[in-house]
């Protein structure tokens, strides 16, 4: 870390955003759509972690659960209750999709806290795909289940008649902004926290302020552990809210 923090002339040189660079896993060539990168590797680890927790960890189905099985059951119950409370019992059929989203984001966020790892959810390319998948699914579902009645989501019938067209335009714009805010919220928070930790780590190379820097890193790391879970929760609960609009557009 010290060699990275100091330049050739002894000045403090560090690049907090270098940790987010996508690199080929094999070789140093250009990155194409088919290139196996560090993002691919850590997304694979996230999927593997989910498999180990939900399949291997629960295969015994013991009456007195092990620690791993208890974690899996707690996660299952937590998301199931969220879907049921926010979206309604008729949305339980979409629980597997929402639960998969939650687990993937949680594992990706927490794996990104491992030193020398790569945080896949810090990239807008990843979070944008997740957000667009939710947006397209909810929109298609809304029209399939409700037909043209789904457009009632944009028509504020409780407002004065003269204001309804204006409000309809505003509601329409806000609807299409949903995937943008959905993906930026997750990637922005994760990226910002990791960048701040890297900045404090760079200052740790200076002996005078290194104790303060180490304390700041410890505090920020603790905060990032909390953020890793909260951002997965926020992404999931917003998905439930959007799904509710598709199932009950008149509410």
Protein backbone atom coordinates (compact mmCIF):
# COMPACT_ATOMS: atom_id res chain seq x y z
CA UNK A 1 0.00 0.00 0.00
CA UNK A 2 2.89 2.35 0.83
CA UNK A 3 4.53 1.82 -2.56
CA UNK A 4 1.22 2.60 -4.23
CA UNK A 5 0.67 5.71 -2.12
CA UNK A 6 4.05 7.33 -2.85
CA UNK A 7 5.13 8.55 -6.28
CA UNK A 8 8.61 8.64 -7.72
CA UNK A 9 9.36 12.03 -6.16
CA UNK A 10 8.04 11.10 -2.72
CA UNK A 11 4.65 12.78 -3.15
CA UNK A 12 1.40 11.18 -2.14
CA UNK A 13 -0.07 9.47 -5.18
CA UNK A 14 -3.02 7.09 -5.06
CA UNK A 15 -5.96 6.44 -7.28
CA UNK A 16 -9.12 5.43 -5.37
CA UNK A 17 -10.99 4.57 -8.58
CA UNK A 18 -8.40 2.07 -9.82
CA UNK A 19 -10.13 -0.66 -7.80
CA UNK A 20 -13.13 -0.43 -10.15
CA UNK A 21 -11.21 -1.06 -13.39
CA UNK A 22 -12.46 -4.07 -15.34
CA UNK A 23 -9.50 -6.25 -16.34
CA UNK A 24 -9.20 -9.51 -18.32
CA UNK A 25 -8.71 -12.46 -16.03
CA UNK A 26 -6.21 -14.00 -18.45
CA UNK A 27 -3.72 -11.81 -20.32
CA UNK A 28 -3.70 -8.05 -20.83
CA UNK A 29 -5.69 -7.64 -24.05
CA UNK A 30 -8.76 -5.57 -24.72
CA UNK A 31 -12.02 -6.36 -22.95
CA UNK A 32 -14.74 -7.66 -25.29
CA UNK A 33 -18.25 -8.88 -24.51
CA UNK A 34 -16.96 -12.47 -24.37
CA UNK A 35 -13.84 -11.71 -22.30
CA UNK A 36 -13.63 -13.39 -18.91
CA UNK A 37 -12.83 -10.56 -16.51
CA UNK A 38 -12.47 -9.92 -12.79
CA UNK A 39 -16.18 -9.01 -12.84
CA UNK A 40 -16.99 -12.43 -14.26
CA UNK A 41 -14.93 -14.12 -11.56
CA UNK A 42 -16.56 -12.35 -8.62
CA UNK A 43 -20.05 -12.68 -10.04
CA UNK A 44 -19.31 -16.40 -10.26
CA UNK A 45 -18.25 -16.40 -6.61
CA UNK A 46 -21.54 -14.70 -5.70
CA UNK A 47 -23.52 -17.39 -7.53
CA UNK A 48 -21.39 -20.09 -5.89
CA UNK A 49 -22.02 -18.56 -2.46
CA UNK A 50 -25.77 -18.60 -3.05
CA UNK A 51 -25.59 -22.24 -4.16
CA UNK A 52 -23.58 -23.25 -1.10
CA UNK A 53 -25.98 -21.47 1.26
CA UNK A 54 -29.34 -22.38 -0.24
CA UNK A 55 -28.62 -25.83 -1.71
CA UNK A 56 -25.70 -27.40 0.14
CA UNK A 57 -26.38 -25.65 3.45
CA UNK A 58 -30.03 -26.73 3.59
CA UNK A 59 -29.89 -30.20 2.04
CA UNK A 60 -30.13 -31.88 5.47
CA UNK A 61 -33.37 -30.07 6.35
CA UNK A 62 -32.71 -30.80 10.00
CA UNK A 63 -35.42 -30.15 12.59
CA UNK A 64 -32.72 -28.50 14.69
CA UNK A 65 -31.01 -26.45 11.97
CA UNK A 66 -27.29 -25.87 11.69
CA UNK A 67 -25.91 -22.33 11.59
CA UNK A 68 -25.85 -22.30 7.80
CA UNK A 69 -29.38 -23.63 7.57
CA UNK A 70 -30.53 -21.04 10.12
CA UNK A 71 -29.06 -18.23 8.01
CA UNK A 72 -30.75 -19.60 4.90
CA UNK A 73 -34.10 -19.88 6.69
CA UNK A 74 -33.80 -16.37 8.14
CA UNK A 75 -33.02 -14.93 4.69
CA UNK A 76 -35.93 -16.85 3.16
CA UNK A 77 -38.38 -15.71 5.83
CA UNK A 78 -37.15 -12.12 5.74
CA UNK A 79 -37.69 -11.68 2.00
CA UNK A 80 -40.91 -13.71 1.95
CA UNK A 81 -42.46 -11.47 4.61
CA UNK A 82 -41.26 -8.39 2.73
CA UNK A 83 -42.94 -9.54 -0.48
CA UNK A 84 -46.14 -10.46 1.33
CA UNK A 85 -46.34 -7.23 3.37
CA UNK A 86 -45.42 -4.77 0.62
CA UNK A 87 -46.92 -6.37 -2.47
CA UNK A 88 -49.64 -8.63 -1.13
CA UNK A 89 -50.22 -12.37 -0.95
CA UNK A 90 -50.96 -12.59 -4.66
CA UNK A 91 -47.33 -11.57 -5.33
CA UNK A 92 -45.87 -14.60 -3.55
CA UNK A 93 -45.64 -16.37 -6.93
CA UNK A 94 -42.89 -13.87 -7.84
CA UNK A 95 -40.99 -14.56 -4.62
CA UNK A 96 -38.28 -16.77 -6.24
CA UNK A 97 -37.27 -13.94 -8.60
CA UNK A 98 -37.19 -11.31 -5.86
CA UNK A 99 -35.35 -13.63 -3.47
CA UNK A 100 -32.73 -14.36 -6.13
CA UNK A 101 -32.19 -10.63 -6.65
CA UNK A 102 -31.76 -10.07 -2.92
CA UNK A 103 -29.30 -12.93 -2.46
CA UNK A 104 -27.20 -11.96 -5.47
CA UNK A 105 -26.85 -8.33 -4.34
CA UNK A 106 -26.12 -9.33 -0.74
CA UNK A 107 -23.41 -11.81 -1.73
CA UNK A 108 -21.88 -9.45 -4.31
CA UNK A 109 -21.77 -6.61 -1.78
CA UNK A 110 -20.26 -8.66 1.02
CA UNK A 111 -17.73 -10.41 -1.22
CA UNK A 112 -16.63 -6.94 -2.32
CA UNK A 113 -15.60 -6.20 1.27
CA UNK A 114 -12.91 -8.88 1.15
CA UNK A 115 -9.46 -7.27 0.67
CA UNK A 116 -8.18 -7.51 -2.93
CA UNK A 117 -11.63 -8.55 -4.18
CA UNK A 118 -13.80 -6.84 -6.80
CA UNK A 119 -17.22 -5.38 -6.03
CA UNK A 120 -19.42 -6.19 -9.02
CA UNK A 121 -22.33 -4.08 -7.75
CA UNK A 122 -20.15 -0.96 -7.92
CA UNK A 123 -20.48 -1.06 -11.73
CA UNK A 124 -23.47 0.57 -13.38
CA UNK A 125 -23.33 -2.05 -16.14
CA UNK A 126 -24.26 -4.71 -13.57
CA UNK A 127 -26.83 -2.74 -11.59
CA UNK A 128 -28.39 -1.36 -14.79
CA UNK A 129 -29.08 -4.90 -16.03
CA UNK A 130 -30.70 -5.77 -12.70
CA UNK A 131 -32.79 -2.58 -12.72
CA UNK A 132 -33.84 -2.95 -16.37
CA UNK A 133 -34.83 -6.57 -15.76
CA UNK A 134 -37.13 -5.41 -12.96
CA UNK A 135 -38.50 -2.51 -15.04
CA UNK A 136 -39.25 -4.63 -18.11
CA UNK A 137 -40.74 -7.46 -16.04
CA UNK A 138 -43.02 -5.12 -14.10
CA UNK A 139 -44.14 -3.21 -17.21
CA UNK A 140 -44.90 -6.32 -19.27
CA UNK A 141 -46.63 -7.91 -16.30
CA UNK A 142 -48.72 -4.80 -15.74
CA UNK A 143 -50.09 -4.85 -19.30
CA UNK A 144 -50.53 -8.65 -19.39
CA UNK A 145 -52.55 -8.73 -16.16
CA UNK A 146 -54.45 -5.45 -16.52
CA UNK A 147 -54.42 -4.53 -20.20
CA UNK A 148 -55.00 -0.83 -20.83
CA UNK A 149 -56.14 -0.43 -17.22
CA UNK A 150 -52.45 -0.41 -16.34
CA UNK A 151 -52.30 3.09 -17.83
CA UNK A 152 -54.49 4.16 -14.92
CA UNK A 153 -51.28 4.18 -12.92
CA UNK A 154 -50.42 7.50 -14.61
CA UNK A 155 -53.89 9.05 -14.37
CA UNK A 156 -54.44 10.73 -10.99
CA UNK A 157 -58.22 10.58 -10.77
CA UNK A 158 -58.30 12.29 -7.37
CA UNK A 159 -56.72 15.49 -8.79
CA UNK A 160 -58.71 18.31 -10.43
CA UNK A 161 -59.53 17.53 -14.06
CA UNK A 162 -57.45 20.44 -15.42
CA UNK A 163 -54.33 19.15 -13.65
CA UNK A 164 -54.67 15.49 -14.59
CA UNK A 165 -52.93 15.72 -18.02
CA UNK A 166 -49.98 17.57 -16.47
CA UNK A 167 -49.74 15.07 -13.62
CA UNK A 168 -49.99 12.22 -16.13
CA UNK A 169 -46.90 13.53 -17.96
CA UNK A 170 -45.03 13.89 -14.65
CA UNK A 171 -46.04 10.37 -13.59
CA UNK A 172 -44.97 8.97 -16.96
CA UNK A 173 -41.55 10.63 -16.74
CA UNK A 174 -41.06 9.45 -13.15
CA UNK A 175 -42.00 5.92 -14.21
CA UNK A 176 -39.30 5.78 -16.89
CA UNK A 177 -36.77 7.28 -14.47
CA UNK A 178 -37.30 4.35 -12.11
CA UNK A 179 -34.62 2.04 -13.58
CA UNK A 180 -32.11 4.91 -13.60
CA UNK A 181 -32.57 5.72 -9.92
CA UNK A 182 -32.84 2.02 -9.10
CA UNK A 183 -29.40 1.20 -10.50
CA UNK A 184 -27.61 4.44 -9.53
CA UNK A 185 -28.68 4.16 -5.90
CA UNK A 186 -27.06 0.75 -5.53
CA UNK A 187 -23.90 1.29 -7.57
CA UNK A 188 -23.35 4.86 -6.31
CA UNK A 189 -23.52 3.97 -2.63
CA UNK A 190 -21.28 0.92 -2.99
CA UNK A 191 -18.73 2.77 -5.14
CA UNK A 192 -18.61 5.82 -2.87
CA UNK A 193 -17.94 3.77 0.26
CA UNK A 194 -15.14 1.75 -1.32
CA UNK A 195 -13.53 4.88 -2.76
CA UNK A 196 -13.51 6.59 0.65
CA UNK A 197 -11.89 3.55 2.26
CA UNK A 198 -9.20 3.59 -0.45
CA UNK A 199 -8.55 7.30 0.19
CA UNK A 200 -8.08 6.70 3.93
CA UNK A 201 -5.84 3.72 3.11
CA UNK A 202 -3.65 5.99 0.98
CA UNK A 203 -3.19 8.41 3.87
CA UNK A 204 -2.27 5.51 6.17
CA UNK A 205 1.16 5.53 4.51
CA UNK A 206 1.92 8.87 6.20
CA UNK A 207 3.25 8.10 9.68
CA UNK A 208 1.96 11.31 11.27
CA UNK A 209 -1.69 10.69 10.47
CA UNK A 210 -1.66 6.91 10.09
CA UNK A 211 -3.39 6.23 13.47
CA UNK A 212 -6.26 8.54 12.51
CA UNK A 213 -6.41 6.98 9.06
CA UNK A 214 -6.56 3.45 10.47
CA UNK A 215 -9.41 4.45 12.78
CA UNK A 216 -11.23 6.06 9.87
CA UNK A 217 -10.77 2.91 7.76
CA UNK A 218 -12.15 0.75 10.60
CA UNK A 219 -15.18 3.01 11.01
CA UNK A 220 -15.85 3.17 7.27
CA UNK A 221 -15.48 -0.59 6.93
CA UNK A 222 -18.06 -1.10 9.67
CA UNK A 223 -20.37 1.32 7.88
CA UNK A 224 -19.84 -0.50 4.58
CA UNK A 225 -20.88 -3.79 6.18
CA UNK A 226 -24.14 -2.10 7.12
CA UNK A 227 -24.49 -0.47 3.68
CA UNK A 228 -23.91 -3.83 1.96
CA UNK A 229 -27.07 -5.20 3.55
CA UNK A 230 -29.13 -2.00 3.46
CA UNK A 231 -28.60 -1.45 -0.27
CA UNK A 232 -29.69 -5.02 -1.02
CA UNK A 233 -32.76 -4.42 1.14
CA UNK A 234 -33.57 -1.10 -0.55
CA UNK A 235 -33.20 -2.58 -4.05
CA UNK A 236 -35.45 -5.48 -3.10
CA UNK A 237 -38.16 -3.46 -1.39
CA UNK A 238 -38.31 -1.03 -4.34
CA UNK A 239 -38.76 -4.04 -6.60
CA UNK A 240 -41.71 -5.07 -4.42
CA UNK A 241 -43.19 -1.56 -4.63
CA UNK A 242 -42.89 -1.53 -8.42
CA UNK A 243 -44.40 -5.00 -8.60
CA UNK A 244 -47.33 -3.81 -6.51
CA UNK A 245 -48.02 -1.11 -9.12
CA UNK A 246 -48.18 -3.80 -11.82
CA UNK A 247 -50.53 -6.02 -9.81
CA UNK A 248 -52.71 -3.20 -8.45
CA UNK A 249 -52.35 -0.14 -10.74
CA UNK A 250 -55.48 1.51 -9.36
CA UNK A 251 -54.09 1.70 -5.81
